[in-house]
PDB file of N, CA and C in Angstrom:
ATOM      1  N   MET A   1     149.751 -67.515  77.197  1.00  0.00           N
ATOM      2  CA  MET A   1     148.313 -67.511  77.002  1.00  0.00           C
ATOM      3  C   MET A   1     147.655 -66.642  78.078  1.00  0.00           C
ATOM      4  N   ARG A   2     146.777 -65.763  77.660  1.00  0.00           N
ATOM      5  CA  ARG A   2     146.062 -64.894  78.598  1.00  0.00           C
ATOM      6  C   ARG A   2     144.794 -65.592  79.065  1.00  0.00           C
ATOM      7  N   THR A   3     144.488 -65.390  80.322  1.00  0.00           N
ATOM      8  CA  THR A   3     143.227 -65.898  80.836  1.00  0.00           C
ATOM      9  C   THR A   3     142.260 -64.733  80.945  1.00  0.00           C
ATOM     10  N   ARG A   4     140.995 -65.031  80.804  1.00  0.00           N
ATOM     11  CA  ARG A   4     139.968 -63.998  80.963  1.00  0.00           C
ATOM     12  C   ARG A   4     139.845 -63.645  82.427  1.00  0.00           C
ATOM     13  N   PRO A   5     139.680 -62.383  82.726  1.00  0.00           N
ATOM     14  CA  PRO A   5     139.476 -62.029  84.136  1.00  0.00           C
ATOM     15  C   PRO A   5     138.149 -62.601  84.636  1.00  0.00           C
ATOM     16  N   GLU A   6     138.140 -62.957  85.890  1.00  0.00           N
ATOM     17  CA  GLU A   6     136.915 -63.438  86.516  1.00  0.00           C
ATOM     18  C   GLU A   6     136.433 -62.379  87.485  1.00  0.00           C
ATOM     19  N   PHE A   7     135.120 -62.276  87.617  1.00  0.00           N
ATOM     20  CA  PHE A   7     134.534 -61.227  88.438  1.00  0.00           C
ATOM     21  C   PHE A   7     133.658 -61.811  89.530  1.00  0.00           C
ATOM     22  N   ASP A   8     133.689 -61.163  90.677  1.00  0.00           N
ATOM     23  CA  ASP A   8     132.905 -61.576  91.837  1.00  0.00           C
ATOM     24  C   ASP A   8     131.509 -60.961  91.726  1.00  0.00           C
ATOM     25  N   VAL A   9     130.617 -61.708  91.118  1.00  0.00           N
ATOM     26  CA  VAL A   9     129.259 -61.225  90.881  1.00  0.00           C
ATOM     27  C   VAL A   9     128.505 -61.068  92.209  1.00  0.00           C
ATOM     28  N   ALA A  10     128.809 -61.911  93.186  1.00  0.00           N
ATOM     29  CA  ALA A  10     128.153 -61.806  94.496  1.00  0.00           C
ATOM     30  C   ALA A  10     128.476 -60.462  95.144  1.00  0.00           C
ATOM     31  N   LYS A  11     129.711 -60.019  95.018  1.00  0.00           N
ATOM     32  CA  LYS A  11     130.097 -58.722  95.587  1.00  0.00           C
ATOM     33  C   LYS A  11     129.388 -57.584  94.849  1.00  0.00           C
ATOM     34  N   LEU A  12     129.278 -57.736  93.550  1.00  0.00           N
ATOM     35  CA  LEU A  12     128.553 -56.745  92.750  1.00  0.00           C
ATOM     36  C   LEU A  12     127.091 -56.669  93.200  1.00  0.00           C
ATOM     37  N   ARG A  13     126.471 -57.825  93.399  1.00  0.00           N
ATOM     38  CA  ARG A  13     125.084 -57.857  93.871  1.00  0.00           C
ATOM     39  C   ARG A  13     124.969 -57.241  95.273  1.00  0.00           C
ATOM     40  N   ASP A  14     125.944 -57.508  96.145  1.00  0.00           N
ATOM     41  CA  ASP A  14     125.939 -56.926  97.494  1.00  0.00           C
ATOM     42  C   ASP A  14     125.971 -55.403  97.427  1.00  0.00           C
ATOM     43  N   ASP A  15     126.835 -54.874  96.562  1.00  0.00           N
ATOM     44  CA  ASP A  15     126.938 -53.421  96.426  1.00  0.00           C
ATOM     45  C   ASP A  15     125.650 -52.834  95.851  1.00  0.00           C
ATOM     46  N   MET A  16     125.022 -53.544  94.944  1.00  0.00           N
ATOM     47  CA  MET A  16     123.734 -53.102  94.416  1.00  0.00           C
ATOM     48  C   MET A  16     122.696 -53.086  95.538  1.00  0.00           C
ATOM     49  N   SER A  17     122.689 -54.137  96.338  1.00  0.00           N
ATOM     50  CA  SER A  17     121.734 -54.275  97.434  1.00  0.00           C
ATOM     51  C   SER A  17     121.890 -53.146  98.451  1.00  0.00           C
ATOM     52  N   GLU A  18     123.144 -52.781  98.736  1.00  0.00           N
ATOM     53  CA  GLU A  18     123.394 -51.668  99.671  1.00  0.00           C
ATOM     54  C   GLU A  18     122.726 -50.382  99.204  1.00  0.00           C
ATOM     55  N   ARG A  19     122.649 -50.204  97.902  1.00  0.00           N
ATOM     56  CA  ARG A  19     122.020 -49.013  97.338  1.00  0.00           C
ATOM     57  C   ARG A  19     120.522 -49.195  97.120  1.00  0.00           C
ATOM     58  N   GLY A  20     120.047 -50.410  97.326  1.00  0.00           N
ATOM     59  CA  GLY A  20     118.637 -50.688  97.053  1.00  0.00           C
ATOM     60  C   GLY A  20     118.350 -50.821  95.573  1.00  0.00           C
ATOM     61  N   TRP A  21     119.382 -51.180  94.798  1.00  0.00           N
ATOM     62  CA  TRP A  21     119.250 -51.270  93.353  1.00  0.00           C
ATOM     63  C   TRP A  21     118.850 -52.653  92.895  1.00  0.00           C
ATOM     64  N   MET A  22     118.042 -52.680  91.884  1.00  0.00           N
ATOM     65  CA  MET A  22     117.704 -53.883  91.132  1.00  0.00           C
ATOM     66  C   MET A  22     118.596 -53.879  89.887  1.00  0.00           C
ATOM     67  N   PRO A  23     118.675 -54.995  89.167  1.00  0.00           N
ATOM     68  CA  PRO A  23     119.484 -55.003  87.940  1.00  0.00           C
ATOM     69  C   PRO A  23     119.106 -53.910  86.943  1.00  0.00           C
ATOM     70  N   THR A  24     117.827 -53.565  86.879  1.00  0.00           N
ATOM     71  CA  THR A  24     117.413 -52.498  85.957  1.00  0.00           C
ATOM     72  C   THR A  24     118.015 -51.154  86.362  1.00  0.00           C
ATOM     73  N   ASP A  25     118.175 -50.933  87.665  1.00  0.00           N
ATOM     74  CA  ASP A  25     118.800 -49.694  88.138  1.00  0.00           C
ATOM     75  C   ASP A  25     120.274 -49.646  87.733  1.00  0.00           C
ATOM     76  N   LEU A  26     120.952 -50.783  87.872  1.00  0.00           N
ATOM     77  CA  LEU A  26     122.359 -50.850  87.472  1.00  0.00           C
ATOM     78  C   LEU A  26     122.495 -50.614  85.977  1.00  0.00           C
ATOM     79  N   ALA A  27     121.626 -51.222  85.205  1.00  0.00           N
ATOM     80  CA  ALA A  27     121.666 -51.041  83.753  1.00  0.00           C
ATOM     81  C   ALA A  27     121.516 -49.562  83.388  1.00  0.00           C
ATOM     82  N   ARG A  28     120.552 -48.920  83.985  1.00  0.00           N
ATOM     83  CA  ARG A  28     120.308 -47.506  83.705  1.00  0.00           C
ATOM     84  C   ARG A  28     121.523 -46.657  84.076  1.00  0.00           C
ATOM     85  N   ALA A  29     122.065 -46.889  85.275  1.00  0.00           N
ATOM     86  CA  ALA A  29     123.206 -46.100  85.755  1.00  0.00           C
ATOM     87  C   ALA A  29     124.468 -46.353  84.929  1.00  0.00           C
ATOM     88  N   ALA A  30     124.615 -47.578  84.418  1.00  0.00           N
ATOM     89  CA  ALA A  30     125.801 -47.928  83.638  1.00  0.00           C
ATOM     90  C   ALA A  30     125.640 -47.607  82.152  1.00  0.00           C
ATOM     91  N   GLY A  31     124.425 -47.257  81.745  1.00  0.00           N
ATOM     92  CA  GLY A  31     124.185 -46.932  80.344  1.00  0.00           C
ATOM     93  C   GLY A  31     124.185 -48.149  79.426  1.00  0.00           C
ATOM     94  N   VAL A  32     123.711 -49.283  79.965  1.00  0.00           N
ATOM     95  CA  VAL A  32     123.640 -50.512  79.171  1.00  0.00           C
ATOM     96  C   VAL A  32     122.218 -51.052  79.241  1.00  0.00           C
ATOM     97  N   SER A  33     121.954 -52.064  78.451  1.00  0.00           N
ATOM     98  CA  SER A  33     120.618 -52.652  78.456  1.00  0.00           C
ATOM     99  C   SER A  33     120.428 -53.577  79.657  1.00  0.00           C
ATOM    100  N   ASP A  34     119.173 -53.802  79.995  1.00  0.00           N
ATOM    101  CA  ASP A  34     118.861 -54.762  81.055  1.00  0.00           C
ATOM    102  C   ASP A  34     119.423 -56.137  80.709  1.00  0.00           C
ATOM    103  N   MET A  35     119.355 -56.502  79.432  1.00  0.00           N
ATOM    104  CA  MET A  35     119.849 -57.800  78.992  1.00  0.00           C
ATOM    105  C   MET A  35     121.368 -57.906  79.189  1.00  0.00           C
ATOM    106  N   ALA A  36     122.087 -56.820  79.028  1.00  0.00           N
ATOM    107  CA  ALA A  36     123.540 -56.848  79.236  1.00  0.00           C
ATOM    108  C   ALA A  36     123.860 -57.199  80.686  1.00  0.00           C
ATOM    109  N   VAL A  37     123.090 -56.653  81.619  1.00  0.00           N
ATOM    110  CA  VAL A  37     123.284 -56.969  83.035  1.00  0.00           C
ATOM    111  C   VAL A  37     122.962 -58.437  83.282  1.00  0.00           C
ATOM    112  N   THR A  38     121.856 -58.899  82.750  1.00  0.00           N
ATOM    113  CA  THR A  38     121.454 -60.293  82.912  1.00  0.00           C
ATOM    114  C   THR A  38     122.519 -61.233  82.371  1.00  0.00           C
ATOM    115  N   ARG A  39     123.036 -60.949  81.193  1.00  0.00           N
ATOM    116  CA  ARG A  39     124.048 -61.807  80.584  1.00  0.00           C
ATOM    117  C   ARG A  39     125.345 -61.801  81.385  1.00  0.00           C
ATOM    118  N   PHE A  40     125.699 -60.658  81.950  1.00  0.00           N
ATOM    119  CA  PHE A  40     126.899 -60.581  82.791  1.00  0.00           C
ATOM    120  C   PHE A  40     126.719 -61.454  84.025  1.00  0.00           C
ATOM    121  N   PHE A  41     125.583 -61.320  84.696  1.00  0.00           N
ATOM    122  CA  PHE A  41     125.329 -62.113  85.902  1.00  0.00           C
ATOM    123  C   PHE A  41     125.299 -63.610  85.614  1.00  0.00           C
ATOM    124  N   ARG A  42     124.790 -63.987  84.464  1.00  0.00           N
ATOM    125  CA  ARG A  42     124.725 -65.406  84.087  1.00  0.00           C
ATOM    126  C   ARG A  42     126.080 -65.963  83.651  1.00  0.00           C
ATOM    127  N   GLY A  43     127.031 -65.061  83.393  1.00  0.00           N
ATOM    128  CA  GLY A  43     128.345 -65.508  82.926  1.00  0.00           C
ATOM    129  C   GLY A  43     128.431 -65.672  81.428  1.00  0.00           C
ATOM    130  N   GLU A  44     127.438 -65.180  80.727  1.00  0.00           N
ATOM    131  CA  GLU A  44     127.400 -65.325  79.269  1.00  0.00           C
ATOM    132  C   GLU A  44     128.249 -64.275  78.559  1.00  0.00           C
ATOM    133  N   HIS A  45     128.436 -63.140  79.190  1.00  0.00           N
ATOM    134  CA  HIS A  45     129.195 -62.053  78.547  1.00  0.00           C
ATOM    135  C   HIS A  45     129.872 -61.215  79.631  1.00  0.00           C
ATOM    136  N   ARG A  46     130.845 -61.793  80.287  1.00  0.00           N
ATOM    137  CA  ARG A  46     131.581 -61.076  81.331  1.00  0.00           C
ATOM    138  C   ARG A  46     132.872 -60.534  80.758  1.00  0.00           C
ATOM    139  N   THR A  47     132.878 -59.241  80.541  1.00  0.00           N
ATOM    140  CA  THR A  47     134.076 -58.596  80.021  1.00  0.00           C
ATOM    141  C   THR A  47     134.553 -57.544  81.009  1.00  0.00           C
ATOM    142  N   ALA A  48     135.820 -57.212  80.899  1.00  0.00           N
ATOM    143  CA  ALA A  48     136.385 -56.172  81.757  1.00  0.00           C
ATOM    144  C   ALA A  48     135.704 -54.829  81.475  1.00  0.00           C
ATOM    145  N   ARG A  49     135.364 -54.592  80.238  1.00  0.00           N
ATOM    146  CA  ARG A  49     134.701 -53.333  79.870  1.00  0.00           C
ATOM    147  C   ARG A  49     133.348 -53.198  80.562  1.00  0.00           C
ATOM    148  N   MET A  50     132.579 -54.295  80.561  1.00  0.00           N
ATOM    149  CA  MET A  50     131.263 -54.264  81.199  1.00  0.00           C
ATOM    150  C   MET A  50     131.425 -54.122  82.717  1.00  0.00           C
ATOM    151  N   ALA A  51     132.372 -54.839  83.287  1.00  0.00           N
ATOM    152  CA  ALA A  51     132.620 -54.745  84.730  1.00  0.00           C
ATOM    153  C   ALA A  51     133.000 -53.322  85.110  1.00  0.00           C
ATOM    154  N   LYS A  52     133.781 -52.660  84.274  1.00  0.00           N
ATOM    155  CA  LYS A  52     134.186 -51.272  84.533  1.00  0.00           C
ATOM    156  C   LYS A  52     132.967 -50.356  84.522  1.00  0.00           C
ATOM    157  N   LYS A  53     132.068 -50.560  83.596  1.00  0.00           N
ATOM    158  CA  LYS A  53     130.852 -49.740  83.542  1.00  0.00           C
ATOM    159  C   LYS A  53     130.037 -49.909  84.820  1.00  0.00           C
ATOM    160  N   PHE A  54     129.915 -51.153  85.284  1.00  0.00           N
ATOM    161  CA  PHE A  54     129.150 -51.412  86.499  1.00  0.00           C
ATOM    162  C   PHE A  54     129.841 -50.813  87.718  1.00  0.00           C
ATOM    163  N   ALA A  55     131.144 -50.980  87.794  1.00  0.00           N
ATOM    164  CA  ALA A  55     131.897 -50.425  88.921  1.00  0.00           C
ATOM    165  C   ALA A  55     131.771 -48.901  88.951  1.00  0.00           C
ATOM    166  N   ASP A  56     131.907 -48.266  87.802  1.00  0.00           N
ATOM    167  CA  ASP A  56     131.768 -46.810  87.734  1.00  0.00           C
ATOM    168  C   ASP A  56     130.376 -46.371  88.176  1.00  0.00           C
ATOM    169  N   ALA A  57     129.365 -47.113  87.743  1.00  0.00           N
ATOM    170  CA  ALA A  57     127.984 -46.780  88.114  1.00  0.00           C
ATOM    171  C   ALA A  57     127.789 -46.873  89.623  1.00  0.00           C
ATOM    172  N   LEU A  58     128.492 -47.803  90.242  1.00  0.00           N
ATOM    173  CA  LEU A  58     128.379 -47.991  91.692  1.00  0.00           C
ATOM    174  C   LEU A  58     129.386 -47.145  92.475  1.00  0.00           C
ATOM    175  N   GLY A  59     130.236 -46.422  91.761  1.00  0.00           N
ATOM    176  CA  GLY A  59     131.224 -45.571  92.426  1.00  0.00           C
ATOM    177  C   GLY A  59     132.331 -46.368  93.101  1.00  0.00           C
ATOM    178  N   ARG A  60     132.652 -47.518  92.532  1.00  0.00           N
ATOM    179  CA  ARG A  60     133.672 -48.404  93.091  1.00  0.00           C
ATOM    180  C   ARG A  60     134.768 -48.653  92.056  1.00  0.00           C
ATOM    181  N   PRO A  61     135.964 -49.019  92.512  1.00  0.00           N
ATOM    182  CA  PRO A  61     137.007 -49.396  91.542  1.00  0.00           C
ATOM    183  C   PRO A  61     136.714 -50.793  90.984  1.00  0.00           C
ATOM    184  N   VAL A  62     137.002 -50.999  89.724  1.00  0.00           N
ATOM    185  CA  VAL A  62     136.717 -52.284  89.096  1.00  0.00           C
ATOM    186  C   VAL A  62     137.499 -53.411  89.766  1.00  0.00           C
ATOM    187  N   ARG A  63     138.665 -53.112  90.322  1.00  0.00           N
ATOM    188  CA  ARG A  63     139.467 -54.154  90.968  1.00  0.00           C
ATOM    189  C   ARG A  63     138.732 -54.784  92.153  1.00  0.00           C
ATOM    190  N   ARG A  64     137.746 -54.066  92.705  1.00  0.00           N
ATOM    191  CA  ARG A  64     136.946 -54.612  93.801  1.00  0.00           C
ATOM    192  C   ARG A  64     136.232 -55.899  93.376  1.00  0.00           C
ATOM    193  N   TYR A  65     135.897 -55.994  92.107  1.00  0.00           N
ATOM    194  CA  TYR A  65     135.122 -57.123  91.609  1.00  0.00           C
ATOM    195  C   TYR A  65     135.968 -58.200  90.928  1.00  0.00           C
ATOM    196  N   LEU A  66     137.266 -57.961  90.818  1.00  0.00           N
ATOM    197  CA  LEU A  66     138.139 -58.950  90.200  1.00  0.00           C
ATOM    198  C   LEU A  66     138.426 -60.089  91.162  1.00  0.00           C
ATOM    199  N   ILE A  67     138.400 -61.285  90.640  1.00  0.00           N
ATOM    200  CA  ILE A  67     138.818 -62.452  91.414  1.00  0.00           C
ATOM    201  C   ILE A  67     140.246 -62.736  90.991  1.00  0.00           C
ATOM    202  N   ARG A  68     141.130 -62.720  91.932  1.00  0.00           N
ATOM    203  CA  ARG A  68     142.545 -62.950  91.640  1.00  0.00           C
ATOM    204  C   ARG A  68     142.766 -64.388  91.191  1.00  0.00           C
ATOM    205  N   SER A  69     143.414 -64.529  90.069  1.00  0.00           N
ATOM    206  CA  SER A  69     143.705 -65.863  89.546  1.00  0.00           C
ATOM    207  C   SER A  69     145.069 -66.316  90.044  1.00  0.00           C
ATOM    208  N   THR A  70     145.194 -67.588  90.309  1.00  0.00           N
ATOM    209  CA  THR A  70     146.479 -68.133  90.740  1.00  0.00           C
ATOM    210  C   THR A  70     147.300 -68.582  89.542  1.00  0.00           C
ATOM    211  N   GLN A  71     146.704 -68.514  88.334  1.00  0.00           N
ATOM    212  CA  GLN A  71     147.420 -68.899  87.134  1.00  0.00           C
ATOM    213  C   GLN A  71     148.220 -67.717  86.612  1.00  0.00           C
ATOM    214  N   ALA A  72     149.363 -68.027  86.059  1.00  0.00           N
ATOM    215  CA  ALA A  72     150.218 -66.985  85.482  1.00  0.00           C
ATOM    216  C   ALA A  72     149.644 -66.542  84.145  1.00  0.00           C
ATOM    217  N   VAL A  73     149.848 -65.281  83.826  1.00  0.00           N
ATOM    218  CA  VAL A  73     149.429 -64.739  82.541  1.00  0.00           C
ATOM    219  C   VAL A  73     150.673 -64.608  81.696  1.00  0.00           C
ATOM    220  N   ALA A  74     150.675 -65.236  80.547  1.00  0.00           N
ATOM    221  CA  ALA A  74     151.859 -65.219  79.681  1.00  0.00           C
ATOM    222  C   ALA A  74     151.694 -64.212  78.567  1.00  0.00           C
TER     223      ALA A  74
END
């Protein structure tokens, strides 16, 4: 059974803050809607694809935002 990847939203917010970005800035840079950013932060729609878009927009590797799971992936 595969587990969904978990993302460190606090680290994402920290990186946004370093740039002086608000969620609307991240949305614009990532080419997604403001609502997509809001839903990601709330945990309603956290996908690896969305995390990759945000990481690319911030010039960071997506692995920076991954939370390592201690569970095995089968």
